Amino acid sequence: MTDKPSPAVPGDANADAPRDRGPIRLLLADDHPVVRAGLRAVLETEPGIVVMAEAATAEAAVTRAAEGDIDVVLMDLQFGAGMGGAEATARITARTGAPRVLIVTTYDSDADTLPAIEAGATGYLLKDAHPEELAAAVRTAAAGRTALAPTVADRLMNRLRSPAVALTRRETEVLTLVAQGLSNQAVARRLHLTEGTVKSHLARTYAKLGVDSRTAAVATATDLGLIRR
């Protein structure tokens, strides 16, 4: 990450909704107490920012965010067993008047960023972001604008420039499971698809990546940052 905060660009459909003046009220959602403590220590020193609550699970974050006194949720993506951060983001943002969700995670592959952004996340930062960048992203999200880590912004721009090597969300999900060693049949069961549909997704993935085998597809997609290392 650089020392320079990532630029804000026009955000989601709720960006026009004004936020009442006053401190920006945060919910910290992460399953690691040390991470929550670190985020709290950084953000509570910032003027106009107040940490209202913490959540150790995605389910708890969804419940707490619905109480109506949160402006921005800082959401991790991986919570171990149970609901993940992308699903929690979708549930939170589906409600009228929902708080913004700012993803703060260690993962920046397409397999992570795309589901989160599609779920309605207003911003996406990595956990190695500088304190100034984190605080700026919180303020940007609270204002309804998008803040992206530079690596994430670059990846999204590359997808627009080179759509031939951009996998769909489903193709990414399929290839991610293949990379974990699952057979087509096992992937089909996991994603509630037919085995034929899984094969079709893989065929399109091979064509986009210019490969002809599962091993080559996984290796190429990993090198391109399309699936997590």
Protein backbone atom coordinates (compact mmCIF):
# COMPACT_ATOMS: atom_id res chain seq x y z
CA MET A 1 0.00 0.00 0.00
CA THR A 2 1.15 3.56 -0.54
CA ASP A 3 1.11 6.36 2.02
CA LYS A 4 -1.38 8.26 -0.12
CA PRO A 5 -5.09 7.74 0.58
CA SER A 6 -7.00 6.17 -2.27
CA PRO A 7 -9.13 8.61 -4.23
CA ALA A 8 -12.88 8.70 -3.77
CA VAL A 9 -15.09 8.22 -6.80
CA PRO A 10 -18.88 8.40 -7.17
CA GLY A 11 -20.42 5.63 -5.12
CA ASP A 12 -23.54 3.54 -4.88
CA ALA A 13 -27.17 4.27 -5.50
CA ASN A 14 -27.68 5.54 -1.94
CA ALA A 15 -24.99 8.20 -2.32
CA ASP A 16 -27.56 11.00 -2.65
CA ALA A 17 -29.11 10.23 0.72
CA PRO A 18 -27.81 12.85 3.17
CA ARG A 19 -26.36 11.74 6.50
CA ASP A 20 -27.31 13.70 9.60
CA ARG A 21 -24.48 15.86 10.87
CA GLY A 22 -22.69 14.51 13.89
CA PRO A 23 -20.01 11.91 14.55
CA ILE A 24 -19.66 8.99 12.16
CA ARG A 25 -20.84 5.96 14.12
CA LEU A 26 -18.99 2.71 13.44
CA LEU A 27 -19.53 -1.01 13.89
CA LEU A 28 -16.35 -3.11 13.79
CA ALA A 29 -17.03 -6.63 12.46
CA ASP A 30 -14.07 -9.01 12.67
CA ASP A 31 -13.61 -12.37 14.35
CA HIS A 32 -10.16 -11.46 15.71
CA PRO A 33 -10.24 -9.43 18.96
CA VAL A 34 -6.75 -8.06 18.29
CA VAL A 35 -7.85 -6.69 14.91
CA ARG A 36 -10.94 -5.07 16.42
CA ALA A 37 -8.82 -3.55 19.18
CA GLY A 38 -6.36 -2.20 16.61
CA LEU A 39 -9.10 -0.66 14.49
CA ARG A 40 -10.70 0.88 17.57
CA ALA A 41 -7.38 2.31 18.76
CA VAL A 42 -6.74 3.94 15.38
CA LEU A 43 -10.22 5.26 14.69
CA GLU A 44 -11.13 6.54 18.15
CA THR A 45 -8.28 9.04 17.90
CA GLU A 46 -9.91 10.56 14.82
CA PRO A 47 -12.17 13.60 15.34
CA GLY A 48 -15.77 13.04 14.39
CA ILE A 49 -15.57 9.22 14.49
CA VAL A 50 -17.08 7.09 17.25
CA VAL A 51 -16.93 3.29 17.57
CA MET A 52 -20.40 2.28 18.73
CA ALA A 53 -20.06 -1.50 18.81
CA GLU A 54 -18.11 -4.59 17.79
CA ALA A 55 -19.21 -7.91 16.31
CA ALA A 56 -17.20 -11.14 16.33
CA THR A 57 -19.40 -12.91 13.76
CA ALA A 58 -21.04 -11.92 10.50
CA GLU A 59 -24.43 -12.89 11.90
CA ALA A 60 -23.93 -10.57 14.87
CA ALA A 61 -22.87 -7.77 12.52
CA VAL A 62 -26.09 -8.11 10.52
CA THR A 63 -28.19 -7.98 13.68
CA ARG A 64 -26.33 -5.05 15.21
CA ALA A 65 -26.29 -3.03 11.98
CA ALA A 66 -30.09 -3.20 11.85
CA GLU A 67 -30.52 -1.25 15.10
CA GLY A 68 -30.39 2.06 13.27
CA ASP A 69 -27.53 3.83 15.05
CA ILE A 70 -24.64 2.80 12.77
CA ASP A 71 -23.37 4.85 9.82
CA VAL A 72 -20.51 2.63 8.60
CA VAL A 73 -19.73 -1.05 9.18
CA LEU A 74 -16.09 -2.08 8.88
CA MET A 75 -16.48 -5.66 7.66
CA ASP A 76 -13.97 -8.48 7.41
CA LEU A 77 -14.59 -11.13 4.73
CA GLN A 78 -13.60 -14.34 6.50
CA PHE A 79 -15.26 -15.31 9.79
CA GLY A 80 -14.48 -19.01 9.92
CA ALA A 81 -17.59 -21.16 10.14
CA GLY A 82 -20.94 -19.62 9.35
CA MET A 83 -21.81 -16.58 7.29
CA GLY A 84 -19.07 -14.74 5.42
CA GLY A 85 -18.52 -11.03 5.07
CA ALA A 86 -19.91 -10.77 1.53
CA GLU A 87 -23.21 -12.39 2.53
CA ALA A 88 -23.41 -10.20 5.62
CA THR A 89 -22.79 -7.14 3.44
CA ALA A 90 -25.64 -8.12 1.13
CA ARG A 91 -28.02 -8.58 4.06
CA ILE A 92 -27.04 -5.29 5.67
CA THR A 93 -27.25 -3.19 2.51
CA ALA A 94 -30.58 -4.73 1.44
CA ARG A 95 -32.41 -2.81 4.16
CA THR A 96 -33.81 0.69 3.61
CA GLY A 97 -31.62 3.31 5.23
CA ALA A 98 -28.84 0.76 5.80
CA PRO A 99 -25.38 1.83 6.94
CA ARG A 100 -22.52 1.80 4.46
CA VAL A 101 -20.23 -1.21 4.50
CA LEU A 102 -16.47 -0.75 4.18
CA ILE A 103 -14.62 -4.03 3.66
CA VAL A 104 -11.34 -4.24 5.60
CA THR A 105 -9.57 -7.51 4.87
CA THR A 106 -6.29 -9.16 3.90
CA TYR A 107 -7.64 -10.58 0.62
CA ASP A 108 -7.55 -8.79 -2.73
CA SER A 109 -8.21 -11.47 -5.35
CA ASP A 110 -11.19 -11.30 -7.70
CA ALA A 111 -12.68 -14.18 -5.72
CA ASP A 112 -12.89 -11.82 -2.75
CA THR A 113 -13.37 -8.34 -4.16
CA LEU A 114 -16.09 -9.07 -6.71
CA PRO A 115 -18.60 -10.79 -4.38
CA ALA A 116 -18.13 -8.03 -1.80
CA ILE A 117 -18.62 -5.20 -4.27
CA GLU A 118 -21.56 -6.97 -5.91
CA ALA A 119 -23.05 -7.41 -2.43
CA GLY A 120 -23.14 -3.64 -1.99
CA ALA A 121 -19.90 -2.70 -0.24
CA THR A 122 -19.18 1.01 -0.53
CA GLY A 123 -15.43 0.58 -0.12
CA TYR A 124 -12.70 -2.03 0.01
CA LEU A 125 -9.43 -1.65 1.94
CA LEU A 126 -6.66 -4.02 2.94
CA LYS A 127 -5.59 -4.44 6.54
CA ASP A 128 -2.13 -3.06 5.83
CA ALA A 129 -3.65 0.34 4.99
CA HIS A 130 -2.14 3.29 6.81
CA PRO A 131 -4.22 4.87 9.59
CA GLU A 132 -4.72 8.04 7.54
CA GLU A 133 -6.02 5.98 4.61
CA LEU A 134 -8.39 4.06 6.87
CA ALA A 135 -9.83 7.21 8.42
CA ALA A 136 -10.21 8.83 5.01
CA ALA A 137 -12.01 5.74 3.70
CA VAL A 138 -14.43 5.79 6.65
CA ARG A 139 -15.30 9.42 5.95
CA THR A 140 -15.63 8.73 2.23
CA ALA A 141 -17.93 5.76 2.86
CA ALA A 142 -20.05 7.76 5.31
CA ALA A 143 -20.51 10.38 2.59
CA GLY A 144 -21.77 7.70 0.20
CA ARG A 145 -18.71 7.64 -2.04
CA THR A 146 -16.49 4.72 -2.94
CA ALA A 147 -12.99 4.21 -1.51
CA LEU A 148 -10.85 1.41 -2.91
CA ALA A 149 -7.40 0.15 -2.05
CA PRO A 150 -5.07 0.94 -4.96
CA THR A 151 -4.54 -2.74 -5.78
CA VAL A 152 -8.28 -3.34 -5.86
CA ALA A 153 -8.90 -0.28 -8.03
CA ASP A 154 -6.17 -1.42 -10.42
CA ARG A 155 -7.69 -4.90 -10.62
CA LEU A 156 -11.14 -3.53 -11.43
CA MET A 157 -9.69 -1.24 -14.10
CA ASN A 158 -7.80 -4.17 -15.63
CA ARG A 159 -11.03 -6.14 -15.79
CA LEU A 160 -12.61 -3.32 -17.78
CA ARG A 161 -9.63 -3.04 -20.10
CA SER A 162 -9.25 -6.80 -20.62
CA PRO A 163 -12.72 -8.37 -20.35
CA ALA A 164 -11.49 -11.52 -22.12
CA VAL A 165 -9.55 -12.52 -18.99
CA ALA A 166 -12.23 -11.38 -16.56
CA LEU A 167 -14.06 -14.31 -15.00
CA THR A 168 -17.66 -14.04 -13.91
CA ARG A 169 -18.49 -14.47 -10.24
CA ARG A 170 -19.73 -18.02 -10.85
CA GLU A 171 -16.67 -18.93 -12.92
CA THR A 172 -14.48 -17.61 -10.12
CA GLU A 173 -16.40 -19.65 -7.54
CA VAL A 174 -16.09 -22.81 -9.63
CA LEU A 175 -12.37 -22.38 -10.27
CA THR A 176 -11.71 -21.54 -6.62
CA LEU A 177 -13.26 -24.86 -5.59
CA VAL A 178 -11.34 -26.68 -8.31
CA ALA A 179 -8.16 -25.13 -6.92
CA GLN A 180 -9.08 -26.67 -3.55
CA GLY A 181 -9.04 -30.09 -5.18
CA LEU A 182 -12.78 -30.67 -5.58
CA SER A 183 -14.05 -32.76 -8.46
CA ASN A 184 -16.69 -31.46 -10.88
CA GLN A 185 -19.29 -33.51 -9.04
CA ALA A 186 -18.24 -32.09 -5.67
CA VAL A 187 -18.23 -28.55 -7.04
CA ALA A 188 -21.73 -29.09 -8.41
CA ARG A 189 -22.97 -30.24 -5.00
CA ARG A 190 -21.32 -27.34 -3.19
CA LEU A 191 -22.77 -24.71 -5.52
CA HIS A 192 -26.11 -26.48 -6.10
CA LEU A 193 -25.46 -26.79 -9.85
CA THR A 194 -25.58 -29.67 -12.29
CA GLU A 195 -22.29 -31.29 -13.21
CA GLY A 196 -22.90 -30.23 -16.81
CA THR A 197 -23.17 -26.60 -15.74
CA VAL A 198 -19.88 -26.86 -13.87
CA LYS A 199 -18.22 -28.27 -17.00
CA SER A 200 -19.64 -25.40 -19.05
CA HIS A 201 -18.24 -22.83 -16.63
CA LEU A 202 -14.85 -24.53 -16.76
CA ALA A 203 -14.89 -24.65 -20.56
CA ARG A 204 -15.53 -20.91 -20.74
CA THR A 205 -12.83 -20.33 -18.14
CA TYR A 206 -10.31 -22.36 -20.16
CA ALA A 207 -11.13 -20.32 -23.26
CA LYS A 208 -10.72 -17.01 -21.46
CA LEU A 209 -7.42 -18.04 -19.91
CA GLY A 210 -6.07 -19.74 -23.04
CA VAL A 211 -5.48 -23.07 -21.29
CA ASP A 212 -6.69 -26.63 -21.77
CA SER A 213 -6.52 -28.22 -18.32
CA ARG A 214 -7.66 -27.72 -14.74
CA THR A 215 -4.09 -27.44 -13.47
CA ALA A 216 -3.18 -24.79 -16.03
CA ALA A 217 -6.38 -22.87 -15.37
CA VAL A 218 -5.71 -22.77 -11.62
CA ALA A 219 -2.07 -21.75 -12.13
CA THR A 220 -2.90 -19.02 -14.65
CA ALA A 221 -5.81 -17.64 -12.66
CA THR A 222 -3.67 -17.55 -9.54
CA ASP A 223 -0.86 -15.71 -11.34
CA LEU A 224 -3.39 -13.16 -12.66
CA GLY A 225 -4.86 -12.65 -9.20
CA LEU A 226 -8.26 -13.97 -10.28
CA ILE A 227 -8.39 -16.50 -7.44
CA ARG A 228 -6.76 -16.43 -4.03
CA ARG A 229 -3.27 -17.77 -3.62
